[in-house]
Amino acid sequence: MNSLLNSNRALFEKRFPQLAEQYKPLFDSPVLPENVELVTGRNGQISATYMGLSLHSAYNPEREAEKLVSEEAAAKADAGVFMGFGLGYGAVAFAKEYPAKTLVLIECNPEWFLLALSTIDFTAVFEHQSLVLLVGAPQQTIISVLEKIGLQNCCFFKTKSHIAHNEQYFISLENLIERNRQKKEINDRTLEKFSTLWLKNMCRNIGIAGGLDGVARYFGAFAGMDACVVAAG
């Protein structure tokens, strides 16, 4: 195990002890992911290719990442979400540029996460005050996390070469994200259109509603029976 991986591992174990324990066998016997080749950029920094696709710039990977995260969409967002992150240059650049924003890293294959930790210094990432690490997480878990952050508040970073090792996983995840984003937009528009009407109706019925028993009267009345809630108001 190289010294860089040792250093990153120590930071990882400190920040995410349970996740680190889960991936301990992988850290103890690290392997290079299939079809990945490490190369040296012209400025001396490590880059890589996957099945011929460059994961980062062959000239200056760090500068490329800094330029990426400084774009207007990232500056305006509350969170940066990396759908795959290659060797992690973008994640490190985001952590340094935006110490107060939320940083979300998504990687379906733990071997690729280990590759990043073996290659560049992740200190800025693991010391970032608001870091969400989703390695090998189910897609529905990822969606739940992103919805809590606020899909509308996220800037998504997706590079073709960073998702090529499991493209279908990331395409499926992207479709789920878009579906949930559209759902929120529809709900927001519905609220904007009908909120005044709903408020008027509640005010009109408040005298009647105040004299009703409420749902407490049904507590325990149907114990052991199957139920389907169609609408809860």
Protein backbone atom coordinates (compact mmCIF):
# COMPACT_ATOMS: atom_id res chain seq x y z
CA MET A 1 0.00 0.00 0.00
CA ASN A 2 1.48 3.37 -0.99
CA SER A 3 2.02 6.20 1.49
CA LEU A 4 -0.62 8.40 -0.19
CA LEU A 5 -3.25 5.69 0.19
CA ASN A 6 -2.21 5.22 3.83
CA SER A 7 -2.66 8.93 4.49
CA ASN A 8 -6.01 9.11 2.71
CA ARG A 9 -7.17 5.94 4.44
CA ALA A 10 -6.45 7.43 7.87
CA LEU A 11 -8.54 10.50 7.01
CA PHE A 12 -11.30 8.30 5.60
CA GLU A 13 -11.40 6.12 8.73
CA LYS A 14 -11.59 9.21 10.93
CA ARG A 15 -14.43 10.80 8.95
CA PHE A 16 -16.41 7.68 8.00
CA PRO A 17 -15.41 4.89 10.43
CA GLN A 18 -18.30 2.54 9.61
CA LEU A 19 -17.84 2.86 5.86
CA ALA A 20 -14.09 2.41 6.26
CA GLU A 21 -14.64 -0.81 8.20
CA GLN A 22 -16.94 -2.06 5.44
CA TYR A 23 -14.23 -1.54 2.83
CA LYS A 24 -11.30 -2.72 4.97
CA PRO A 25 -10.68 -5.88 2.85
CA LEU A 26 -10.43 -3.69 -0.25
CA PHE A 27 -7.90 -1.38 1.41
CA ASP A 28 -5.87 -4.34 2.64
CA SER A 29 -5.60 -5.78 -0.89
CA PRO A 30 -5.94 -2.86 -3.34
CA VAL A 31 -6.23 -3.64 -7.05
CA LEU A 32 -6.22 -1.45 -10.14
CA PRO A 33 -9.69 -1.47 -11.74
CA GLU A 34 -9.92 -3.38 -14.99
CA ASN A 35 -9.03 -1.44 -18.18
CA VAL A 36 -7.54 1.47 -16.22
CA GLU A 37 -4.06 2.72 -17.09
CA LEU A 38 -2.25 5.34 -15.03
CA VAL A 39 -0.31 7.95 -17.01
CA THR A 40 1.75 11.02 -16.19
CA GLY A 41 0.54 14.39 -17.43
CA ARG A 42 2.88 16.90 -19.00
CA ASN A 43 3.02 18.88 -15.77
CA GLY A 44 4.03 15.75 -13.84
CA GLN A 45 0.65 15.06 -12.21
CA ILE A 46 -0.90 11.61 -12.43
CA SER A 47 -3.80 11.07 -14.81
CA ALA A 48 -5.41 7.92 -16.17
CA THR A 49 -7.28 6.39 -19.07
CA TYR A 50 -10.15 3.93 -19.10
CA MET A 51 -10.50 1.87 -22.27
CA GLY A 52 -8.72 4.65 -24.14
CA LEU A 53 -10.81 7.47 -22.63
CA SER A 54 -8.85 10.11 -20.72
CA LEU A 55 -10.17 10.61 -17.20
CA HIS A 56 -8.44 13.98 -16.88
CA SER A 57 -6.35 16.44 -18.85
CA ALA A 58 -3.08 15.06 -20.23
CA TYR A 59 -1.52 18.48 -19.63
CA ASN A 60 -2.68 19.77 -16.25
CA PRO A 61 -5.42 17.76 -14.47
CA GLU A 62 -5.52 20.08 -11.47
CA ARG A 63 -5.96 23.25 -13.52
CA GLU A 64 -8.67 21.57 -15.60
CA ALA A 65 -10.58 20.74 -12.39
CA GLU A 66 -10.20 24.26 -10.99
CA LYS A 67 -11.66 25.69 -14.19
CA LEU A 68 -14.56 23.23 -14.07
CA VAL A 69 -15.69 24.08 -10.55
CA SER A 70 -15.30 27.84 -11.04
CA GLU A 71 -18.06 27.94 -13.67
CA GLU A 72 -21.13 30.06 -12.93
CA ALA A 73 -23.49 27.13 -12.30
CA ALA A 74 -21.24 25.79 -9.55
CA ALA A 75 -20.74 29.20 -7.99
CA LYS A 76 -24.50 29.79 -7.74
CA ALA A 77 -25.40 26.32 -6.39
CA ASP A 78 -25.57 25.31 -2.74
CA ALA A 79 -24.08 21.88 -3.44
CA GLY A 80 -21.79 20.18 -5.94
CA VAL A 81 -22.69 16.61 -6.91
CA PHE A 82 -20.09 14.50 -8.71
CA MET A 83 -21.59 11.61 -10.68
CA GLY A 84 -18.40 9.60 -10.68
CA PHE A 85 -15.20 11.55 -10.09
CA GLY A 86 -12.31 9.72 -11.76
CA LEU A 87 -9.14 10.28 -9.77
CA GLY A 88 -10.83 13.01 -7.75
CA TYR A 89 -9.26 16.21 -9.07
CA GLY A 90 -12.68 17.85 -9.44
CA ALA A 91 -13.76 16.85 -5.94
CA VAL A 92 -10.58 18.27 -4.41
CA ALA A 93 -10.90 21.50 -6.41
CA PHE A 94 -14.53 21.92 -5.30
CA ALA A 95 -13.66 21.30 -1.65
CA LYS A 96 -10.97 23.98 -1.78
CA GLU A 97 -13.03 26.51 -3.75
CA TYR A 98 -16.26 26.16 -1.75
CA PRO A 99 -15.57 25.26 1.90
CA ALA A 100 -19.12 26.23 2.94
CA LYS A 101 -21.06 24.39 0.22
CA THR A 102 -22.13 20.74 0.37
CA LEU A 103 -19.94 18.30 -1.57
CA VAL A 104 -21.53 15.03 -2.72
CA LEU A 105 -19.43 12.24 -4.23
CA ILE A 106 -21.20 9.35 -5.96
CA GLU A 107 -19.36 6.21 -7.08
CA CYS A 108 -20.99 2.84 -7.60
CA ASN A 109 -17.75 0.82 -7.69
CA PRO A 110 -15.62 0.91 -4.50
CA GLU A 111 -12.52 -0.07 -6.52
CA TRP A 112 -12.73 3.25 -8.35
CA PHE A 113 -12.99 5.10 -5.06
CA LEU A 114 -9.87 3.30 -3.88
CA LEU A 115 -8.14 4.22 -7.15
CA ALA A 116 -8.72 7.90 -6.42
CA LEU A 117 -7.41 7.57 -2.86
CA SER A 118 -4.31 5.82 -4.19
CA THR A 119 -3.54 8.58 -6.67
CA ILE A 120 -4.07 12.09 -5.28
CA ASP A 121 -4.25 13.80 -1.88
CA PHE A 122 -7.85 13.82 -0.56
CA THR A 123 -7.13 15.88 2.56
CA ALA A 124 -9.24 18.82 1.35
CA VAL A 125 -12.15 16.47 0.65
CA PHE A 126 -12.14 14.58 3.96
CA GLU A 127 -11.68 17.79 5.94
CA HIS A 128 -14.51 19.54 4.10
CA GLN A 129 -17.17 20.57 6.61
CA SER A 130 -20.14 19.28 4.57
CA LEU A 131 -19.14 16.09 2.75
CA VAL A 132 -21.57 13.40 1.64
CA LEU A 133 -19.90 10.21 0.42
CA LEU A 134 -22.09 7.74 -1.47
CA VAL A 135 -19.90 4.79 -2.48
CA GLY A 136 -21.75 1.67 -3.56
CA ALA A 137 -25.02 3.19 -2.33
CA PRO A 138 -28.42 2.07 -3.74
CA GLN A 139 -29.91 4.57 -6.16
CA GLN A 140 -32.98 5.21 -4.01
CA THR A 141 -30.72 6.08 -1.09
CA ILE A 142 -28.88 8.57 -3.28
CA ILE A 143 -32.17 10.13 -4.42
CA SER A 144 -33.34 10.48 -0.81
CA VAL A 145 -30.10 12.22 0.16
CA LEU A 146 -30.23 14.58 -2.82
CA GLU A 147 -33.86 15.46 -2.14
CA LYS A 148 -32.96 16.42 1.44
CA ILE A 149 -30.22 18.67 0.08
CA GLY A 150 -32.60 20.00 -2.57
CA LEU A 151 -32.28 18.90 -6.19
CA GLN A 152 -32.87 22.47 -7.35
CA ASN A 153 -29.89 23.60 -5.28
CA CYS A 154 -27.37 21.18 -6.80
CA CYS A 155 -24.82 21.61 -9.56
CA PHE A 156 -24.21 18.20 -11.14
CA PHE A 157 -20.80 17.29 -12.54
CA LYS A 158 -20.77 14.39 -14.99
CA THR A 159 -17.88 13.46 -17.27
CA LYS A 160 -18.33 10.67 -19.79
CA SER A 161 -15.06 8.95 -18.95
CA HIS A 162 -15.88 9.02 -15.21
CA ILE A 163 -19.09 7.03 -15.66
CA ALA A 164 -18.04 4.75 -18.54
CA HIS A 165 -17.09 1.87 -16.22
CA ASN A 166 -20.76 1.49 -15.21
CA GLU A 167 -22.62 3.77 -17.59
CA GLN A 168 -26.02 2.12 -17.15
CA TYR A 169 -25.95 2.70 -13.39
CA PHE A 170 -25.30 6.40 -13.82
CA ILE A 171 -27.80 6.82 -16.68
CA SER A 172 -30.48 5.17 -14.55
CA LEU A 173 -29.56 7.41 -11.61
CA GLU A 174 -29.67 10.50 -13.80
CA ASN A 175 -33.14 9.53 -15.04
CA LEU A 176 -34.35 9.17 -11.44
CA ILE A 177 -32.91 12.56 -10.55
CA GLU A 178 -34.61 14.22 -13.50
CA ARG A 179 -37.93 12.55 -12.70
CA ASN A 180 -37.80 13.75 -9.11
CA ARG A 181 -36.74 17.21 -10.16
CA GLN A 182 -39.74 17.46 -12.51
CA LYS A 183 -42.03 16.17 -9.74
CA LYS A 184 -40.89 18.95 -7.43
CA GLU A 185 -41.38 21.56 -10.16
CA ILE A 186 -44.94 20.32 -10.74
CA ASN A 187 -45.67 20.39 -7.00
CA ASP A 188 -44.27 23.91 -6.70
CA ARG A 189 -46.37 25.16 -9.61
CA THR A 190 -49.48 23.48 -8.17
CA LEU A 191 -48.88 25.12 -4.80
CA GLU A 192 -48.39 28.51 -6.42
CA LYS A 193 -51.59 28.15 -8.44
CA PHE A 194 -53.93 26.79 -5.77
CA SER A 195 -52.50 27.88 -2.42
CA THR A 196 -54.80 30.91 -2.15
CA LEU A 197 -57.86 28.78 -2.92
CA TRP A 198 -56.83 26.15 -0.38
CA LEU A 199 -56.33 28.83 2.27
CA LYS A 200 -59.76 30.33 1.57
CA ASN A 201 -61.40 26.90 1.84
CA MET A 202 -59.67 26.17 5.14
CA CYS A 203 -60.74 29.53 6.55
CA ARG A 204 -64.31 28.96 5.37
CA ASN A 205 -64.45 25.54 7.04
CA ILE A 206 -62.47 26.31 10.17
CA GLY A 207 -65.58 26.66 12.32
CA ILE A 208 -66.84 23.22 11.32
CA ALA A 209 -63.41 21.60 11.48
CA GLY A 210 -62.88 22.90 15.01
CA GLY A 211 -65.84 20.89 16.27
CA LEU A 212 -64.83 17.57 14.70
CA ASP A 213 -63.18 14.74 16.61
CA GLY A 214 -60.11 14.42 14.39
CA VAL A 215 -58.23 11.22 13.59
CA ALA A 216 -57.55 10.36 17.25
CA ARG A 217 -60.92 8.61 17.44
CA TYR A 218 -59.63 5.96 15.03
CA PHE A 219 -56.49 5.15 16.99
CA GLY A 220 -56.19 1.36 17.31
CA ALA A 221 -59.61 0.79 15.72
CA PHE A 222 -58.22 -1.29 12.85
CA ALA A 223 -55.29 -3.01 14.51
CA GLY A 224 -53.96 -5.96 12.51
CA MET A 225 -55.82 -5.01 9.33
CA ASP A 226 -54.15 -4.12 6.03
CA ALA A 227 -54.57 -0.49 5.00
CA CYS A 228 -53.98 1.71 1.97
CA VAL A 229 -53.81 5.48 2.42
CA VAL A 230 -55.05 7.07 -0.82
CA ALA A 231 -54.95 10.68 0.37
CA ALA A 232 -54.07 12.20 3.72
CA GLY A 233 -54.82 15.86 3.09
